[in-house]
Every structure is written in C-alpha cells, then in structure tokens.
Amino acid sequence: MMDRHKMRREPWEVDAMAFPSEGGKAEKLAFLLGYAILAPSSHNTQPWRFTVGEQEIRIHVERSRWLRVADADQRELYVSIGCALENLLVAAEHFGYGHTKSYVPEGEESDLAVVVQLRPDGAGSGHLREGLLEAIPERRTNHNTFNGQPLPRGVWNRLQACDVEDDVSLRLTDDAAVKRAVDEMIVEADAMQFADPAWREELGHWLGRGVFGAPWLMSKVSQLAVTYLNLGSGTAKKDSELLMSAPVLAVIDSARDDRASQIKAGQLFERVALAATTMDVRSHPMSQILEIPEMKARVAEQLPGGSGTPQQTFRLGFGEAEGEPTPRRPVGEVMDWE
C-alpha cells in the first residue's frame, strides 16, 4: 500500500521535464492538468472536472463539492474554477500553446463553465510572466501570522501589474483604519457562522474528509469538535491576529456580478498568488466576510476606489512558510477523454 505522505505529495511533484513531447495532441493537453489541479479552492473542495479533446479542454463545476451553506450563491465555487483555469493557462503558455477561452453564458443549464481552445503556435496572452509555472507547485495558502514587514514598492507594483482584465480589479491597501474596520467585520462574521449549526456541520463534513491534510483520526476529531462545539470566539481571535499581522489587505472586485466575472476574479487571485510566491510573499484568503450577504456591501465601501462587487478578499505579507501542501485529487480522478 502506498504511503499516505507519498500519496499526498505526488500531485505536487509535477515535473515540466516530463512533458510528453512525442505524445499525441490530447495526451499533451492532459499533461497540463497536472498544474491545473494544484489551484486553491474553497475548503480545498477542488470542485472541478475536465474534459480533454485534441484541441480543447472543457472545465466543468462539480456541484457535489459545492459548499451549499457557506457559499450559497456559488461565488466561491466559480472563483475556484477560475484559479484552476489560470494554472492551466500558465502551463499552456509555458509549453508553447496559444489559447482562447469562452466563458459559458449566464443562465445556461449546464455544469460547463469554461471552454479553452489550445493551439501549438506559441501565441500566448502576453501578460503571464516568467517563473509562474515554477511557482504553481510552490504556492501555499498561508495560515501563519505575518511579521508585519511592509511590502516594498517594487513588490506592490508587480502584484498590481497582475490586474490586466478590464472588468475585474485588484485593490490593495495598507491603510490601518481600513484593516481595523475589516477586522471588526471578520470577528462578527466568524461569530455568525459558528453560531449556525448547518454551517458547522458542513465545515465538519469536509474536515472529516481530510481535505486539509490532517491524519484520519485528527480529521474525525476536528469534525466532531467543529460540528458540536461553538468555536467562534477562538477562531475570531485567531483570524483577527492573522489579518492585523498582514501589511496589505487585498480585494478583487468586478463590474458585474455574474459567473464569468467570478471566474475572472479567480484567475486574477491565482495570478497574484503565483506572482507573490515568486517574491516570497505569502497569501491567505479571508472570505467569511463575503459569505454573509449583508456584509458584502460593507466590504465594498471600505476599499478606496472600489465601486464593484467584491469577489475575493485576502491578506498579503511576509512570514514563515506554510508546511506540507494540502492533498489533491489525481488528474485521472478529475479528467474525462472526449
């Protein structure tokens, strides 16, 4: 039987040198998915499925992995899809593929989210920088406190340069007053969520499945603790420390609040996380304030220049590296051949 630690590490050990140069068209495209599956997702649910043809990859949402309580409007479901899409495009460009993508129109009764056409002509987007492919298996969601060291202006500018979409925007702030206001909302959101038995049961379910990499027994103990105990005050205290230790708070917002915008927000978030990784900057989503509808509008009011719909909130800073990566489903488990 394969060692559990090895099983957990294997997807993260994707090797660019193993690209099947002599393989068929579909085999080459399937190789790119080894990078796509390393994307972050809400509760590490990995709610994606891919269909691979000779010239395209279709990305579907897997609704059995939708957080129906925490993510009632499916915003995080589609942001997660966007993160996987961005990794796929970074890998495609690295291996010489040009690409076009089509977001499935709003309202279609389908789990299909994005269709990516790939052609081996080397004509990429022009905005994906060198080093991002290598950053994919190095990126981690960081749950540690940061050291408070300000981000140098060059780092700030490079992160801001990740914002290339016309209808999705990255907003960065180091304003202490803004962080304090958001901190108050995070404390309030934690209290509200942990007071909801259905929310705790859902979180406990995913903890019990070991999505964060804890051993089986610890996962089950965590599931019972979260499900039957209100841990809101302790979580709020910890989350407050995490936010206030970060020199920069970031919000991604969009001009429209539709599925395509949520996917694009996920792409931008992952692009920022990868660029941050290349500079030893840590990133950590703090999404609870967007999971409560009445708080979402309050978040938008806090960020200078913000006028759109907030799609992703996260903190950035320097600090201790995260340890082992969280588990990933292998490519063969999430892929179908056309």
Protein backbone atom coordinates (compact mmCIF):
# COMPACT_ATOMS: atom_id res chain seq x y z
CA MET A 1 0.00 0.00 0.00
CA MET A 2 1.35 3.44 -0.92
CA ASP A 3 2.50 5.60 1.96
CA ARG A 4 -0.11 8.29 2.82
CA HIS A 5 2.54 11.01 2.84
CA LYS A 6 3.76 9.97 -0.61
CA MET A 7 0.17 9.93 -1.95
CA ARG A 8 -0.30 13.45 -0.65
CA ARG A 9 2.94 14.73 -2.16
CA GLU A 10 2.69 13.07 -5.57
CA PRO A 11 0.43 15.59 -7.37
CA TRP A 12 2.67 18.41 -6.13
CA GLU A 13 5.74 16.82 -7.67
CA VAL A 14 4.65 17.62 -11.22
CA ASP A 15 7.75 17.83 -13.42
CA ALA A 16 7.95 20.06 -16.50
CA MET A 17 10.67 17.80 -17.88
CA ALA A 18 8.10 15.00 -18.11
CA PHE A 19 6.04 16.83 -20.75
CA PRO A 20 5.17 14.18 -23.40
CA SER A 21 6.80 15.89 -26.38
CA GLU A 22 6.38 12.78 -28.53
CA GLY A 23 2.85 12.05 -27.34
CA GLY A 24 -0.45 12.68 -29.07
CA LYS A 25 -2.29 16.01 -29.01
CA ALA A 26 -4.76 15.01 -26.28
CA GLU A 27 -2.02 13.43 -24.15
CA LYS A 28 -0.09 16.69 -24.19
CA LEU A 29 -3.15 18.68 -23.14
CA ALA A 30 -3.90 16.21 -20.36
CA PHE A 31 -0.39 16.82 -19.01
CA LEU A 32 -1.29 20.48 -18.43
CA LEU A 33 -3.95 19.41 -15.94
CA GLY A 34 -1.22 18.34 -13.55
CA TYR A 35 -0.77 22.07 -12.93
CA ALA A 36 -4.45 22.99 -13.01
CA ILE A 37 -5.32 20.66 -10.11
CA LEU A 38 -2.83 22.41 -7.80
CA ALA A 39 -5.05 25.51 -7.69
CA PRO A 40 -6.55 26.63 -4.39
CA SER A 41 -10.27 26.21 -3.76
CA SER A 42 -12.75 26.96 -1.00
CA HIS A 43 -12.24 24.42 1.85
CA ASN A 44 -9.95 22.61 -0.62
CA THR A 45 -13.07 21.07 -2.14
CA GLN A 46 -11.46 21.00 -5.63
CA PRO A 47 -14.86 21.40 -7.36
CA TRP A 48 -13.68 20.87 -10.92
CA ARG A 49 -13.77 18.32 -13.69
CA PHE A 50 -12.03 18.46 -17.07
CA THR A 51 -12.88 17.03 -20.48
CA VAL A 52 -9.87 16.75 -22.79
CA GLY A 53 -10.01 16.68 -26.57
CA GLU A 54 -7.32 17.08 -29.21
CA GLN A 55 -7.57 20.89 -29.32
CA GLU A 56 -9.58 21.93 -26.29
CA ILE A 57 -10.13 21.42 -22.59
CA ARG A 58 -13.55 21.99 -21.09
CA ILE A 59 -13.78 22.83 -17.38
CA HIS A 60 -16.92 21.84 -15.51
CA VAL A 61 -18.07 22.62 -11.98
CA GLU A 62 -18.60 19.55 -9.83
CA ARG A 63 -21.62 20.56 -7.77
CA SER A 64 -21.31 17.62 -5.40
CA ARG A 65 -18.39 19.65 -3.99
CA TRP A 66 -20.33 22.90 -3.69
CA LEU A 67 -20.50 24.38 -0.16
CA ARG A 68 -24.25 24.92 -0.09
CA VAL A 69 -24.27 26.70 3.28
CA ALA A 70 -21.03 28.71 3.30
CA ASP A 71 -21.24 29.52 -0.42
CA ALA A 72 -24.97 29.74 -1.04
CA ASP A 73 -24.60 31.97 -4.12
CA GLN A 74 -21.84 29.74 -5.60
CA ARG A 75 -19.41 32.66 -5.82
CA GLU A 76 -16.54 30.67 -4.32
CA LEU A 77 -17.40 27.68 -6.50
CA TYR A 78 -16.72 29.73 -9.64
CA VAL A 79 -13.76 31.61 -8.15
CA SER A 80 -12.20 28.18 -7.53
CA ILE A 81 -12.80 27.27 -11.18
CA GLY A 82 -11.02 30.48 -12.16
CA CYS A 83 -7.97 29.53 -10.09
CA ALA A 84 -7.70 26.18 -11.89
CA LEU A 85 -8.19 27.91 -15.24
CA GLU A 86 -5.34 30.33 -14.55
CA ASN A 87 -2.95 27.49 -13.68
CA LEU A 88 -3.98 25.74 -16.88
CA LEU A 89 -3.25 28.84 -18.97
CA VAL A 90 0.12 29.43 -17.27
CA ALA A 91 1.09 25.83 -18.07
CA ALA A 92 -0.24 26.09 -21.63
CA GLU A 93 1.84 29.17 -22.38
CA HIS A 94 4.96 27.65 -20.83
CA PHE A 95 4.70 24.66 -23.17
CA GLY A 96 4.14 26.81 -26.25
CA TYR A 97 0.35 26.81 -26.57
CA GLY A 98 -1.66 29.79 -27.67
CA HIS A 99 -5.17 29.84 -26.28
CA THR A 100 -8.60 31.38 -26.43
CA LYS A 101 -11.24 30.86 -23.77
CA SER A 102 -15.01 31.09 -23.75
CA TYR A 103 -16.98 31.53 -20.55
CA VAL A 104 -20.32 29.77 -20.68
CA PRO A 105 -23.15 32.34 -20.88
CA GLU A 106 -25.05 33.10 -17.68
CA GLY A 107 -28.21 31.10 -17.18
CA GLU A 108 -27.27 28.04 -19.22
CA GLU A 109 -28.46 24.86 -17.53
CA SER A 110 -25.08 23.20 -17.57
CA ASP A 111 -22.14 22.45 -15.32
CA LEU A 112 -19.80 23.55 -18.11
CA ALA A 113 -18.00 26.74 -17.02
CA VAL A 114 -15.19 27.43 -19.50
CA VAL A 115 -14.04 26.10 -22.87
CA VAL A 116 -10.33 26.59 -23.61
CA GLN A 117 -9.14 26.21 -27.20
CA LEU A 118 -5.43 25.39 -27.39
CA ARG A 119 -3.15 25.61 -30.40
CA PRO A 120 0.60 24.86 -30.53
CA ASP A 121 1.59 28.17 -32.07
CA GLY A 122 3.19 29.82 -29.06
CA ALA A 123 0.94 32.91 -29.21
CA GLY A 124 0.01 33.44 -25.57
CA SER A 125 -1.69 36.28 -23.73
CA GLY A 126 1.44 38.37 -23.33
CA HIS A 127 0.87 39.14 -19.65
CA LEU A 128 1.88 35.89 -17.95
CA ARG A 129 5.40 36.42 -16.62
CA GLU A 130 8.32 34.05 -16.45
CA GLY A 131 8.57 31.99 -13.29
CA LEU A 132 4.86 31.48 -12.75
CA LEU A 133 4.91 27.83 -13.82
CA GLU A 134 7.59 27.02 -11.24
CA ALA A 135 5.53 28.90 -8.64
CA ILE A 136 2.47 26.67 -9.10
CA PRO A 137 3.77 23.69 -7.05
CA GLU A 138 5.42 26.10 -4.57
CA ARG A 139 2.33 28.20 -3.83
CA ARG A 140 0.65 27.61 -0.47
CA THR A 141 -2.30 29.15 1.30
CA ASN A 142 -0.56 30.53 4.38
CA HIS A 143 -2.34 30.29 7.76
CA ASN A 144 0.51 31.74 9.82
CA THR A 145 0.76 35.22 11.27
CA PHE A 146 2.90 37.55 9.18
CA ASN A 147 5.79 39.60 10.52
CA GLY A 148 4.28 42.99 9.64
CA GLN A 149 7.16 44.00 7.37
CA PRO A 150 5.80 46.38 4.70
CA LEU A 151 5.79 45.24 1.09
CA PRO A 152 8.44 47.15 -0.88
CA ARG A 153 7.07 49.36 -3.63
CA GLY A 154 8.56 47.10 -6.31
CA VAL A 155 6.66 44.11 -4.89
CA TRP A 156 3.49 46.17 -4.63
CA ASN A 157 3.83 47.30 -8.24
CA ARG A 158 4.42 43.79 -9.54
CA LEU A 159 1.34 42.49 -7.75
CA GLN A 160 -0.72 45.37 -9.08
CA ALA A 161 0.57 44.58 -12.60
CA CYS A 162 -1.28 41.24 -12.40
CA ASP A 163 -4.50 43.21 -12.87
CA VAL A 164 -4.99 43.05 -16.64
CA GLU A 165 -8.72 42.37 -17.09
CA ASP A 166 -10.97 45.30 -17.99
CA ASP A 167 -13.91 44.27 -15.82
CA VAL A 168 -12.14 42.80 -12.76
CA SER A 169 -9.96 44.90 -10.46
CA LEU A 170 -7.34 44.28 -7.77
CA ARG A 171 -7.36 46.75 -4.89
CA LEU A 172 -4.52 46.77 -2.37
CA THR A 173 -4.44 48.81 0.83
CA ASP A 174 -2.11 49.20 3.78
CA ASP A 175 -4.41 51.70 5.49
CA ALA A 176 -4.59 50.77 9.19
CA ALA A 177 -8.08 52.22 9.58
CA VAL A 178 -9.39 50.09 6.72
CA LYS A 179 -7.81 46.96 8.21
CA ARG A 180 -9.38 47.71 11.61
CA ALA A 181 -12.81 48.14 10.03
CA VAL A 182 -12.47 44.88 8.09
CA ASP A 183 -11.14 43.17 11.21
CA GLU A 184 -14.34 44.08 13.07
CA MET A 185 -16.36 42.52 10.25
CA ILE A 186 -14.27 39.35 10.31
CA VAL A 187 -14.84 38.93 14.04
CA GLU A 188 -18.57 39.46 13.51
CA ALA A 189 -18.68 37.05 10.56
CA ASP A 190 -16.87 34.30 12.48
CA ALA A 191 -19.36 34.64 15.34
CA MET A 192 -22.35 34.47 12.97
CA GLN A 193 -21.07 31.45 11.07
CA PHE A 194 -20.09 29.39 14.10
CA ALA A 195 -23.47 30.11 15.64
CA ASP A 196 -25.11 28.37 12.66
CA PRO A 197 -25.33 24.57 13.21
CA ALA A 198 -25.73 23.93 9.46
CA TRP A 199 -22.55 25.87 8.69
CA ARG A 200 -20.62 23.99 11.39
CA GLU A 201 -21.92 20.66 10.11
CA GLU A 202 -20.79 21.47 6.56
CA LEU A 203 -17.32 22.54 7.70
CA GLY A 204 -17.11 19.45 9.88
CA HIS A 205 -18.03 17.24 6.94
CA TRP A 206 -15.09 18.50 4.89
CA LEU A 207 -12.71 18.40 7.84
CA GLY A 208 -13.72 14.79 8.36
CA ARG A 209 -12.79 14.01 4.75
CA GLY A 210 -9.24 15.15 5.46
CA VAL A 211 -9.22 17.97 2.91
CA PHE A 212 -6.63 19.93 4.89
CA GLY A 213 -4.22 17.02 5.13
CA ALA A 214 -4.64 16.03 8.78
CA PRO A 215 -4.35 12.31 9.66
CA TRP A 216 -7.62 10.34 9.71
CA LEU A 217 -8.11 10.36 13.48
CA MET A 218 -7.33 14.07 13.83
CA SER A 219 -9.69 14.82 10.94
CA LYS A 220 -12.52 12.97 12.67
CA VAL A 221 -11.82 14.67 16.00
CA SER A 222 -11.84 18.06 14.25
CA GLN A 223 -15.12 17.17 12.56
CA LEU A 224 -16.78 16.35 15.88
CA ALA A 225 -15.36 19.45 17.58
CA VAL A 226 -16.48 21.84 14.84
CA THR A 227 -19.89 20.22 14.44
CA TYR A 228 -20.89 20.09 18.10
CA LEU A 229 -18.95 22.95 19.72
CA ASN A 230 -19.18 26.67 19.02
CA LEU A 231 -15.55 27.60 18.45
CA GLY A 232 -16.40 31.05 17.13
CA SER A 233 -14.67 33.19 19.76
CA GLY A 234 -11.36 31.35 19.49
CA THR A 235 -11.49 31.39 15.68
CA ALA A 236 -12.35 35.09 15.64
CA LYS A 237 -9.39 35.89 17.89
CA LYS A 238 -7.04 33.92 15.64
CA ASP A 239 -8.43 35.44 12.43
CA SER A 240 -8.08 38.91 13.91
CA GLU A 241 -4.42 38.26 14.68
CA LEU A 242 -3.88 36.96 11.15
CA LEU A 243 -5.40 40.00 9.46
CA MET A 244 -3.75 42.60 11.67
CA SER A 245 -0.32 40.98 11.18
CA ALA A 246 -0.59 41.46 7.41
CA PRO A 247 0.79 44.69 5.92
CA VAL A 248 -1.62 44.54 2.97
CA LEU A 249 -5.29 43.71 2.61
CA ALA A 250 -6.45 42.91 -0.92
CA VAL A 251 -9.88 42.81 -2.52
CA ILE A 252 -10.76 41.72 -6.02
CA ASP A 253 -14.00 43.22 -7.28
CA SER A 254 -15.87 43.13 -10.57
CA ALA A 255 -18.05 45.48 -12.57
CA ARG A 256 -20.69 42.78 -12.92
CA ASP A 257 -21.71 40.01 -10.56
CA ASP A 258 -22.05 37.07 -12.92
CA ARG A 259 -20.33 33.70 -13.35
CA ALA A 260 -17.80 34.94 -15.89
CA SER A 261 -16.76 37.73 -13.50
CA GLN A 262 -16.36 35.26 -10.64
CA ILE A 263 -14.18 33.01 -12.80
CA LYS A 264 -12.08 36.01 -13.88
CA ALA A 265 -11.73 37.02 -10.21
CA GLY A 266 -10.37 33.53 -9.51
CA GLN A 267 -7.90 33.90 -12.37
CA LEU A 268 -6.68 37.23 -11.02
CA PHE A 269 -6.43 35.91 -7.47
CA GLU A 270 -4.32 32.94 -8.56
CA ARG A 271 -2.14 35.16 -10.77
CA VAL A 272 -1.47 37.40 -7.77
CA ALA A 273 -0.79 34.38 -5.51
CA LEU A 274 1.71 32.96 -8.01
CA ALA A 275 3.47 36.29 -8.52
CA ALA A 276 3.61 36.70 -4.74
CA THR A 277 5.13 33.23 -4.41
CA THR A 278 7.99 34.19 -6.74
CA MET A 279 8.84 37.02 -4.31
CA ASP A 280 8.41 35.02 -1.08
CA VAL A 281 5.23 36.92 -0.27
CA ARG A 282 2.55 34.82 1.45
CA SER A 283 -1.16 34.95 0.63
CA HIS A 284 -4.24 33.84 2.55
CA PRO A 285 -7.93 34.21 1.55
CA MET A 286 -10.25 35.59 4.23
CA SER A 287 -13.63 35.01 2.65
CA GLN A 288 -16.03 34.83 5.59
CA ILE A 289 -17.00 38.50 5.19
CA LEU A 290 -18.16 37.80 1.64
CA GLU A 291 -20.10 34.67 2.61
CA ILE A 292 -22.61 36.76 4.58
CA PRO A 293 -24.71 38.83 2.13
CA GLU A 294 -25.27 41.84 4.40
CA MET A 295 -21.52 42.20 4.91
CA LYS A 296 -20.59 42.10 1.24
CA ALA A 297 -21.75 45.65 0.59
CA ARG A 298 -19.89 46.88 3.66
CA VAL A 299 -16.66 45.42 2.30
CA ALA A 300 -17.09 47.31 -0.96
CA GLU A 301 -17.46 50.57 0.96
CA GLN A 302 -14.13 50.13 2.74
CA LEU A 303 -11.71 49.94 -0.17
CA PRO A 304 -10.54 53.19 -1.79
CA GLY A 305 -11.85 53.48 -5.33
CA GLY A 306 -13.99 50.37 -5.00
CA SER A 307 -17.28 50.56 -6.86
CA GLY A 308 -17.88 46.98 -7.97
CA THR A 309 -18.93 43.72 -6.35
CA PRO A 310 -16.31 42.14 -4.06
CA GLN A 311 -15.44 38.62 -5.24
CA GLN A 312 -12.34 37.72 -3.19
CA THR A 313 -10.69 39.11 -0.06
CA PHE A 314 -7.23 38.07 1.08
CA ARG A 315 -4.17 39.20 3.01
CA LEU A 316 -0.59 39.50 1.81
CA GLY A 317 2.70 39.74 3.67
CA PHE A 318 5.99 38.21 4.68
CA GLY A 319 6.26 35.43 7.22
CA GLU A 320 7.02 31.83 7.99
CA ALA A 321 6.40 29.46 5.11
CA GLU A 322 3.48 27.06 5.27
CA GLY A 323 4.41 23.43 5.78
CA GLU A 324 3.17 20.47 3.77
CA PRO A 325 0.73 21.12 0.91
CA THR A 326 -2.90 20.07 1.20
CA PRO A 327 -3.99 16.89 -0.64
CA ARG A 328 -5.07 16.97 -4.27
CA ARG A 329 -7.17 14.53 -6.26
CA PRO A 330 -5.01 13.00 -9.00
CA VAL A 331 -5.58 14.04 -12.60
CA GLY A 332 -7.08 10.68 -13.51
CA GLU A 333 -9.84 11.20 -10.96
CA VAL A 334 -10.99 14.54 -12.38
CA MET A 335 -10.49 14.06 -16.12
CA ASP A 336 -12.53 12.55 -18.95
CA TRP A 337 -11.41 11.97 -22.52
CA GLU A 338 -13.63 13.42 -25.22
